Amino acid sequence: MQGFELEKPNRKMKKIVGLLFLFLFLFLSSCIINNKDNHSGETNHDNKKTSGKLICLEKSAIFGVIPADTIIEGLFQFVNIGAETVKIIYYDVSCGCTLAILSDSLVMPGDSTIFIMSVNTQGKSPGNHVVNAVLKTNGLQTFYKLDVKFTIPDED
């Protein structure tokens, strides 16, 4: 078998490869930053801080002992008690077993919106469980943490 020797890259080629990596890095970084705080696919330019303020009437939905392989839904109502519209700009859940549904991302003064956490307990082990959601708004209070708590009984 005959060997061969690779040519050493020249300076011009090194610069070109370096610039390509730099452009690729900058492009990917801008894509991540533009989509970071957003589940809805909207751009982030209309999320300016407002004097609106949401209050959440209940921050925990406690179900107690429930049978395994059940779907439960925690309903959370938010009311805007401030003077300006509040936008819910982001939400996320802590478990893949949970589907989050938001009735309206824009909440006018005096109006309300509903956030639903639908939790599928299929495959959950016996014991106490807590599933969380975090919502981010452009109102006076930025973050809200919500919980759905339940217990799967031991199999007898």
N, C-alpha and C. Protein backbone atom coordinates (compact mmCIF):
# COMPACT_ATOMS: atom_id res chain seq x y z
N MET A 1 0.84 -1.17 0.00
CA MET A 1 0.00 0.00 0.00
C MET A 1 0.88 1.23 0.00
N GLN A 2 0.55 2.13 -0.85
CA GLN A 2 1.37 3.32 -1.01
C GLN A 2 0.77 4.47 -0.21
N GLY A 3 1.58 5.17 0.54
CA GLY A 3 1.11 6.30 1.33
C GLY A 3 1.14 7.58 0.52
N PHE A 4 0.49 8.59 1.06
CA PHE A 4 0.54 9.88 0.40
C PHE A 4 0.64 10.95 1.47
N GLU A 5 1.13 12.08 1.07
CA GLU A 5 1.35 13.18 2.00
C GLU A 5 0.37 14.30 1.69
N LEU A 6 -0.31 14.76 2.73
CA LEU A 6 -1.25 15.87 2.56
C LEU A 6 -0.49 17.18 2.48
N GLU A 7 -1.00 18.07 1.66
CA GLU A 7 -0.41 19.40 1.60
C GLU A 7 -0.78 20.17 2.85
N LYS A 8 0.12 20.96 3.33
CA LYS A 8 -0.19 21.82 4.46
C LYS A 8 -1.09 22.94 3.97
N PRO A 9 -2.16 23.22 4.75
CA PRO A 9 -3.05 24.31 4.31
C PRO A 9 -2.31 25.64 4.36
N ASN A 10 -2.57 26.46 3.37
CA ASN A 10 -1.92 27.75 3.36
C ASN A 10 -2.71 28.73 4.23
N ARG A 11 -2.15 29.89 4.46
CA ARG A 11 -2.76 30.89 5.34
C ARG A 11 -4.12 31.35 4.83
N LYS A 12 -4.25 31.51 3.53
CA LYS A 12 -5.50 31.99 2.96
C LYS A 12 -6.63 30.98 3.24
N MET A 13 -6.34 29.71 3.08
CA MET A 13 -7.34 28.67 3.31
C MET A 13 -7.73 28.64 4.80
N LYS A 14 -6.77 28.79 5.70
CA LYS A 14 -7.07 28.82 7.14
C LYS A 14 -7.99 29.98 7.48
N LYS A 15 -7.76 31.14 6.87
CA LYS A 15 -8.60 32.31 7.12
C LYS A 15 -10.03 32.06 6.63
N ILE A 16 -10.16 31.47 5.46
CA ILE A 16 -11.48 31.21 4.89
C ILE A 16 -12.26 30.23 5.78
N VAL A 17 -11.61 29.16 6.20
CA VAL A 17 -12.27 28.18 7.07
C VAL A 17 -12.64 28.83 8.41
N GLY A 18 -11.76 29.63 8.97
CA GLY A 18 -12.05 30.33 10.22
C GLY A 18 -13.24 31.26 10.09
N LEU A 19 -13.31 32.01 9.00
CA LEU A 19 -14.44 32.93 8.77
C LEU A 19 -15.75 32.15 8.59
N LEU A 20 -15.69 31.02 7.90
CA LEU A 20 -16.90 30.21 7.74
C LEU A 20 -17.43 29.73 9.09
N PHE A 21 -16.54 29.27 9.97
CA PHE A 21 -16.96 28.85 11.30
C PHE A 21 -17.52 30.02 12.11
N LEU A 22 -16.92 31.18 11.99
CA LEU A 22 -17.40 32.37 12.69
C LEU A 22 -18.80 32.75 12.23
N PHE A 23 -19.03 32.79 10.91
CA PHE A 23 -20.36 33.11 10.39
C PHE A 23 -21.39 32.07 10.81
N LEU A 24 -21.02 30.81 10.78
CA LEU A 24 -21.94 29.75 11.20
C LEU A 24 -22.31 29.92 12.68
N PHE A 25 -21.33 30.19 13.52
CA PHE A 25 -21.57 30.40 14.94
C PHE A 25 -22.50 31.60 15.17
N LEU A 26 -22.23 32.72 14.50
CA LEU A 26 -23.06 33.91 14.67
C LEU A 26 -24.48 33.67 14.19
N PHE A 27 -24.64 32.98 13.07
CA PHE A 27 -25.96 32.69 12.55
C PHE A 27 -26.76 31.83 13.53
N LEU A 28 -26.16 30.75 14.01
CA LEU A 28 -26.86 29.86 14.95
C LEU A 28 -27.17 30.57 16.26
N SER A 29 -26.27 31.40 16.74
CA SER A 29 -26.51 32.15 17.97
C SER A 29 -27.70 33.08 17.82
N SER A 30 -27.80 33.77 16.69
CA SER A 30 -28.92 34.69 16.50
C SER A 30 -30.23 33.93 16.40
N CYS A 31 -30.24 32.74 15.82
CA CYS A 31 -31.46 31.94 15.75
C CYS A 31 -31.91 31.53 17.14
N ILE A 32 -30.99 31.11 18.00
CA ILE A 32 -31.33 30.69 19.35
C ILE A 32 -31.85 31.87 20.15
N ILE A 33 -31.20 33.02 20.08
CA ILE A 33 -31.62 34.20 20.83
C ILE A 33 -33.00 34.66 20.39
N ASN A 34 -33.29 34.66 19.10
CA ASN A 34 -34.58 35.12 18.60
C ASN A 34 -35.73 34.22 19.02
N ASN A 35 -35.49 32.94 19.29
CA ASN A 35 -36.57 32.02 19.63
C ASN A 35 -36.58 31.62 21.10
N LYS A 36 -35.69 32.13 21.90
CA LYS A 36 -35.51 31.66 23.26
C LYS A 36 -36.75 31.81 24.13
N ASP A 37 -37.35 32.98 24.21
CA ASP A 37 -38.44 33.25 25.13
C ASP A 37 -39.79 33.14 24.46
N ASN A 38 -40.02 32.10 23.70
CA ASN A 38 -41.22 32.13 22.90
C ASN A 38 -41.70 30.74 22.54
N HIS A 39 -42.91 30.40 22.95
CA HIS A 39 -43.51 29.15 22.51
C HIS A 39 -44.41 29.37 21.32
N SER A 40 -44.84 30.59 21.09
CA SER A 40 -45.84 30.86 20.08
C SER A 40 -45.25 31.13 18.70
N GLY A 41 -43.96 31.32 18.58
CA GLY A 41 -43.34 31.59 17.29
C GLY A 41 -43.33 33.05 16.91
N GLU A 42 -43.84 33.93 17.76
CA GLU A 42 -43.83 35.35 17.46
C GLU A 42 -42.45 35.92 17.75
N THR A 43 -42.16 37.06 17.15
CA THR A 43 -40.89 37.70 17.43
C THR A 43 -40.94 38.35 18.80
N ASN A 44 -39.78 38.69 19.34
CA ASN A 44 -39.67 39.16 20.72
C ASN A 44 -39.73 40.68 20.84
N HIS A 45 -40.03 41.43 19.77
CA HIS A 45 -39.94 42.88 19.83
C HIS A 45 -41.14 43.54 20.51
N ASP A 46 -42.25 42.85 20.74
CA ASP A 46 -43.42 43.47 21.35
C ASP A 46 -43.61 43.04 22.80
N ASN A 47 -42.56 42.66 23.48
CA ASN A 47 -42.63 42.18 24.85
C ASN A 47 -42.12 43.21 25.85
N LYS A 48 -42.34 44.50 25.57
CA LYS A 48 -41.89 45.56 26.47
C LYS A 48 -42.61 45.46 27.81
N LYS A 49 -41.91 45.80 28.87
CA LYS A 49 -42.46 45.79 30.22
C LYS A 49 -43.65 46.74 30.31
N THR A 50 -44.73 46.31 30.97
CA THR A 50 -45.90 47.15 31.16
C THR A 50 -46.20 47.28 32.65
N SER A 51 -47.14 48.16 32.98
CA SER A 51 -47.56 48.33 34.39
C SER A 51 -48.72 47.41 34.73
N GLY A 52 -49.09 46.53 33.79
CA GLY A 52 -50.14 45.56 34.08
C GLY A 52 -49.65 44.53 35.09
N LYS A 53 -50.58 43.96 35.85
CA LYS A 53 -50.20 42.96 36.84
C LYS A 53 -51.23 41.85 36.88
N LEU A 54 -50.74 40.63 36.67
CA LEU A 54 -51.61 39.47 36.76
C LEU A 54 -51.59 38.92 38.18
N ILE A 55 -52.75 38.50 38.66
CA ILE A 55 -52.79 37.73 39.89
C ILE A 55 -53.34 36.36 39.52
N CYS A 56 -52.77 35.35 40.14
CA CYS A 56 -53.22 33.98 39.92
C CYS A 56 -54.05 33.58 41.14
N LEU A 57 -55.29 33.21 40.90
CA LEU A 57 -56.20 32.93 42.00
C LEU A 57 -55.77 31.69 42.80
N GLU A 58 -55.22 30.69 42.15
CA GLU A 58 -54.68 29.50 42.81
C GLU A 58 -53.38 29.13 42.11
N LYS A 59 -52.32 28.88 42.87
CA LYS A 59 -51.04 28.52 42.25
C LYS A 59 -50.74 27.03 42.34
N SER A 60 -51.60 26.28 43.04
CA SER A 60 -51.45 24.82 43.13
C SER A 60 -52.79 24.16 42.89
N ALA A 61 -52.76 23.06 42.15
CA ALA A 61 -53.93 22.20 41.98
C ALA A 61 -53.57 20.89 42.67
N ILE A 62 -54.26 20.59 43.76
CA ILE A 62 -53.93 19.42 44.57
C ILE A 62 -55.02 18.38 44.37
N PHE A 63 -54.64 17.22 43.83
CA PHE A 63 -55.61 16.18 43.51
C PHE A 63 -55.66 15.06 44.54
N GLY A 64 -54.68 14.96 45.41
CA GLY A 64 -54.66 13.87 46.39
C GLY A 64 -54.37 12.55 45.71
N VAL A 65 -54.98 11.48 46.22
CA VAL A 65 -54.74 10.14 45.69
C VAL A 65 -55.63 9.92 44.47
N ILE A 66 -54.99 9.54 43.36
CA ILE A 66 -55.72 9.26 42.12
C ILE A 66 -55.26 7.93 41.55
N PRO A 67 -56.12 7.26 40.80
CA PRO A 67 -55.69 5.99 40.20
C PRO A 67 -54.59 6.21 39.16
N ALA A 68 -53.74 5.20 39.01
CA ALA A 68 -52.69 5.27 37.98
C ALA A 68 -53.35 5.32 36.61
N ASP A 69 -52.62 5.79 35.62
CA ASP A 69 -53.09 5.88 34.24
C ASP A 69 -54.34 6.76 34.10
N THR A 70 -54.30 7.91 34.75
CA THR A 70 -55.39 8.88 34.71
C THR A 70 -54.88 10.18 34.12
N ILE A 71 -55.76 10.93 33.47
CA ILE A 71 -55.42 12.27 33.01
C ILE A 71 -56.13 13.27 33.93
N ILE A 72 -55.34 14.17 34.52
CA ILE A 72 -55.90 15.20 35.40
C ILE A 72 -55.59 16.57 34.81
N GLU A 73 -56.45 17.54 35.12
CA GLU A 73 -56.26 18.88 34.58
C GLU A 73 -56.29 19.91 35.70
N GLY A 74 -55.19 20.65 35.82
CA GLY A 74 -55.13 21.77 36.74
C GLY A 74 -55.48 23.04 35.98
N LEU A 75 -56.50 23.75 36.44
CA LEU A 75 -56.92 25.01 35.80
C LEU A 75 -56.47 26.17 36.66
N PHE A 76 -55.80 27.13 36.04
CA PHE A 76 -55.27 28.29 36.75
C PHE A 76 -55.79 29.55 36.06
N GLN A 77 -56.49 30.38 36.83
CA GLN A 77 -57.04 31.62 36.28
C GLN A 77 -56.16 32.79 36.67
N PHE A 78 -55.81 33.61 35.67
CA PHE A 78 -55.04 34.83 35.88
C PHE A 78 -55.94 36.02 35.58
N VAL A 79 -55.94 37.02 36.47
CA VAL A 79 -56.72 38.24 36.27
C VAL A 79 -55.75 39.41 36.24
N ASN A 80 -55.94 40.31 35.28
CA ASN A 80 -55.10 41.50 35.17
C ASN A 80 -55.72 42.60 36.02
N ILE A 81 -55.04 42.94 37.14
CA ILE A 81 -55.52 44.00 38.02
C ILE A 81 -54.79 45.32 37.76
N GLY A 82 -53.93 45.34 36.76
CA GLY A 82 -53.16 46.54 36.43
C GLY A 82 -53.88 47.43 35.43
N ALA A 83 -53.19 48.50 35.03
CA ALA A 83 -53.76 49.50 34.13
C ALA A 83 -53.43 49.25 32.66
N GLU A 84 -52.52 48.32 32.38
CA GLU A 84 -52.12 48.06 30.99
C GLU A 84 -52.25 46.57 30.68
N THR A 85 -52.29 46.26 29.40
CA THR A 85 -52.37 44.88 28.94
C THR A 85 -51.08 44.14 29.30
N VAL A 86 -51.23 42.88 29.71
CA VAL A 86 -50.09 42.02 30.02
C VAL A 86 -50.05 40.91 28.98
N LYS A 87 -48.84 40.61 28.51
CA LYS A 87 -48.65 39.52 27.57
C LYS A 87 -47.91 38.38 28.25
N ILE A 88 -48.45 37.17 28.14
CA ILE A 88 -47.73 35.98 28.59
C ILE A 88 -46.85 35.59 27.42
N ILE A 89 -45.54 35.80 27.59
CA ILE A 89 -44.61 35.65 26.47
C ILE A 89 -43.92 34.29 26.42
N TYR A 90 -44.08 33.50 27.49
CA TYR A 90 -43.40 32.21 27.51
C TYR A 90 -44.01 31.35 28.59
N TYR A 91 -44.10 30.05 28.33
CA TYR A 91 -44.44 29.10 29.39
C TYR A 91 -43.77 27.77 29.09
N ASP A 92 -43.50 27.03 30.15
CA ASP A 92 -42.84 25.75 30.00
C ASP A 92 -43.27 24.84 31.15
N VAL A 93 -43.31 23.54 30.89
CA VAL A 93 -43.68 22.56 31.91
C VAL A 93 -42.48 21.69 32.24
N SER A 94 -42.50 21.10 33.43
CA SER A 94 -41.34 20.34 33.91
C SER A 94 -41.32 18.89 33.45
N CYS A 95 -42.39 18.42 32.83
CA CYS A 95 -42.48 17.00 32.51
C CYS A 95 -43.10 16.80 31.14
N GLY A 96 -42.60 15.84 30.40
CA GLY A 96 -43.15 15.51 29.10
C GLY A 96 -44.54 14.90 29.18
N CYS A 97 -44.98 14.56 30.38
CA CYS A 97 -46.31 13.99 30.58
C CYS A 97 -47.38 15.07 30.62
N THR A 98 -46.99 16.33 30.48
CA THR A 98 -47.91 17.45 30.68
C THR A 98 -48.09 18.25 29.39
N LEU A 99 -49.35 18.52 29.08
CA LEU A 99 -49.71 19.38 27.97
C LEU A 99 -50.20 20.70 28.56
N ALA A 100 -49.64 21.81 28.09
CA ALA A 100 -50.04 23.13 28.59
C ALA A 100 -50.90 23.82 27.54
N ILE A 101 -51.99 24.43 28.01
CA ILE A 101 -52.92 25.14 27.12
C ILE A 101 -53.18 26.51 27.74
N LEU A 102 -53.04 27.56 26.95
CA LEU A 102 -53.29 28.93 27.39
C LEU A 102 -54.44 29.48 26.57
N SER A 103 -55.49 29.98 27.25
CA SER A 103 -56.67 30.46 26.51
C SER A 103 -56.38 31.74 25.75
N ASP A 104 -55.57 32.64 26.29
CA ASP A 104 -55.23 33.89 25.60
C ASP A 104 -53.92 34.42 26.16
N SER A 105 -52.99 34.76 25.30
CA SER A 105 -51.69 35.28 25.77
C SER A 105 -51.74 36.77 26.10
N LEU A 106 -52.74 37.49 25.59
CA LEU A 106 -52.89 38.92 25.90
C LEU A 106 -54.04 39.09 26.88
N VAL A 107 -53.77 39.74 28.03
CA VAL A 107 -54.79 39.91 29.06
C VAL A 107 -54.97 41.42 29.29
N MET A 108 -56.12 41.92 28.85
CA MET A 108 -56.44 43.34 29.00
C MET A 108 -56.73 43.67 30.46
N PRO A 109 -56.61 44.94 30.85
CA PRO A 109 -56.95 45.33 32.23
C PRO A 109 -58.38 44.90 32.58
N GLY A 110 -58.52 44.24 33.74
CA GLY A 110 -59.81 43.76 34.21
C GLY A 110 -60.25 42.44 33.60
N ASP A 111 -59.50 41.93 32.63
CA ASP A 111 -59.84 40.69 31.95
C ASP A 111 -59.07 39.53 32.58
N SER A 112 -59.35 38.30 32.13
CA SER A 112 -58.66 37.14 32.66
C SER A 112 -58.33 36.16 31.55
N THR A 113 -57.47 35.22 31.88
CA THR A 113 -57.11 34.13 30.98
C THR A 113 -56.98 32.86 31.81
N ILE A 114 -57.10 31.72 31.15
CA ILE A 114 -57.01 30.42 31.81
C ILE A 114 -55.79 29.68 31.27
N PHE A 115 -55.01 29.10 32.20
CA PHE A 115 -53.88 28.24 31.84
C PHE A 115 -54.21 26.85 32.36
N ILE A 116 -54.15 25.86 31.48
CA ILE A 116 -54.49 24.49 31.85
C ILE A 116 -53.25 23.62 31.75
N MET A 117 -53.02 22.83 32.80
CA MET A 117 -51.97 21.80 32.79
C MET A 117 -52.66 20.45 32.77
N SER A 118 -52.60 19.77 31.65
CA SER A 118 -53.20 18.44 31.51
C SER A 118 -52.10 17.40 31.70
N VAL A 119 -52.18 16.65 32.80
CA VAL A 119 -51.12 15.72 33.19
C VAL A 119 -51.59 14.28 32.97
N ASN A 120 -50.81 13.54 32.20
CA ASN A 120 -51.09 12.12 31.97
C ASN A 120 -50.23 11.31 32.95
N THR A 121 -50.87 10.57 33.85
CA THR A 121 -50.14 9.85 34.89
C THR A 121 -49.74 8.45 34.46
N GLN A 122 -49.97 8.10 33.20
CA GLN A 122 -49.61 6.77 32.72
C GLN A 122 -48.13 6.51 32.93
N GLY A 123 -47.83 5.37 33.53
CA GLY A 123 -46.45 4.98 33.77
C GLY A 123 -45.80 5.62 34.99
N LYS A 124 -46.53 6.44 35.73
CA LYS A 124 -45.98 7.05 36.95
C LYS A 124 -45.89 6.00 38.04
N SER A 125 -44.82 6.03 38.79
CA SER A 125 -44.63 5.09 39.88
C SER A 125 -45.47 5.50 41.08
N PRO A 126 -45.77 4.55 41.98
CA PRO A 126 -46.52 4.91 43.19
C PRO A 126 -45.75 5.94 44.01
N GLY A 127 -46.50 6.85 44.64
CA GLY A 127 -45.89 7.87 45.48
C GLY A 127 -46.40 9.25 45.15
N ASN A 128 -45.80 10.25 45.79
CA ASN A 128 -46.19 11.65 45.61
C ASN A 128 -45.50 12.22 44.37
N HIS A 129 -46.24 13.04 43.63
CA HIS A 129 -45.71 13.65 42.42
C HIS A 129 -46.09 15.13 42.38
N VAL A 130 -45.18 15.94 41.83
CA VAL A 130 -45.43 17.37 41.60
C VAL A 130 -44.95 17.69 40.20
N VAL A 131 -45.84 18.26 39.39
CA VAL A 131 -45.48 18.72 38.05
C VAL A 131 -45.59 20.24 38.08
N ASN A 132 -44.58 20.92 37.54
CA ASN A 132 -44.53 22.38 37.58
C ASN A 132 -44.68 23.00 36.21
N ALA A 133 -45.11 24.25 36.21
CA ALA A 133 -45.09 25.08 35.00
C ALA A 133 -44.59 26.45 35.41
N VAL A 134 -43.87 27.10 34.52
CA VAL A 134 -43.41 28.47 34.74
C VAL A 134 -43.92 29.31 33.59
N LEU A 135 -44.50 30.46 33.92
CA LEU A 135 -44.97 31.41 32.93
C LEU A 135 -44.17 32.69 33.07
N LYS A 136 -43.84 33.31 31.96
CA LYS A 136 -43.13 34.59 31.95
C LYS A 136 -44.03 35.62 31.28
N THR A 137 -44.15 36.80 31.91
CA THR A 137 -44.98 37.87 31.36
C THR A 137 -44.16 39.14 31.21
N ASN A 138 -44.78 40.13 30.56
CA ASN A 138 -44.14 41.44 30.47
C ASN A 138 -44.76 42.41 31.49
N GLY A 139 -45.48 41.90 32.46
CA GLY A 139 -46.12 42.72 33.49
C GLY A 139 -45.20 43.02 34.66
N LEU A 140 -45.78 43.64 35.70
CA LEU A 140 -44.99 43.99 36.89
C LEU A 140 -44.38 42.76 37.55
N GLN A 141 -45.14 41.68 37.65
CA GLN A 141 -44.58 40.41 38.12
C GLN A 141 -44.20 39.62 36.88
N THR A 142 -42.94 39.26 36.79
CA THR A 142 -42.44 38.63 35.57
C THR A 142 -42.72 37.14 35.51
N PHE A 143 -42.47 36.41 36.60
CA PHE A 143 -42.58 34.96 36.59
C PHE A 143 -43.65 34.46 37.55
N TYR A 144 -44.30 33.37 37.13
CA TYR A 144 -45.29 32.67 37.94
C TYR A 144 -44.97 31.19 37.90
N LYS A 145 -44.97 30.54 39.07
CA LYS A 145 -44.73 29.10 39.15
C LYS A 145 -46.01 28.43 39.61
N LEU A 146 -46.45 27.42 38.85
CA LEU A 146 -47.67 26.70 39.14
C LEU A 146 -47.36 25.23 39.39
N ASP A 147 -48.17 24.57 40.22
CA ASP A 147 -47.94 23.16 40.56
C ASP A 147 -49.22 22.36 40.39
N VAL A 148 -49.07 21.13 39.95
CA VAL A 148 -50.12 20.11 40.01
C VAL A 148 -49.54 19.00 40.88
N LYS A 149 -50.25 18.69 41.99
CA LYS A 149 -49.76 17.70 42.95
C LYS A 149 -50.74 16.53 43.00
N PHE A 150 -50.19 15.32 43.05
CA PHE A 150 -51.03 14.14 43.13
C PHE A 150 -50.23 12.98 43.70
N THR A 151 -50.94 11.96 44.13
CA THR A 151 -50.33 10.75 44.68
C THR A 151 -50.88 9.54 43.94
N ILE A 152 -49.99 8.68 43.49
CA ILE A 152 -50.37 7.39 42.88
C ILE A 152 -50.25 6.35 44.00
N PRO A 153 -51.34 5.61 44.29
CA PRO A 153 -51.29 4.64 45.39
C PRO A 153 -50.43 3.41 45.04
N ASP A 154 -49.96 2.73 46.07
CA ASP A 154 -49.24 1.47 45.88
C ASP A 154 -50.19 0.44 45.29
N GLU A 155 -49.67 -0.38 44.39
CA GLU A 155 -50.49 -1.47 43.81
C GLU A 155 -50.58 -2.59 44.82
N ASP A 156 -51.78 -3.05 45.04
CA ASP A 156 -51.97 -4.18 46.00
C ASP A 156 -52.32 -5.44 45.30
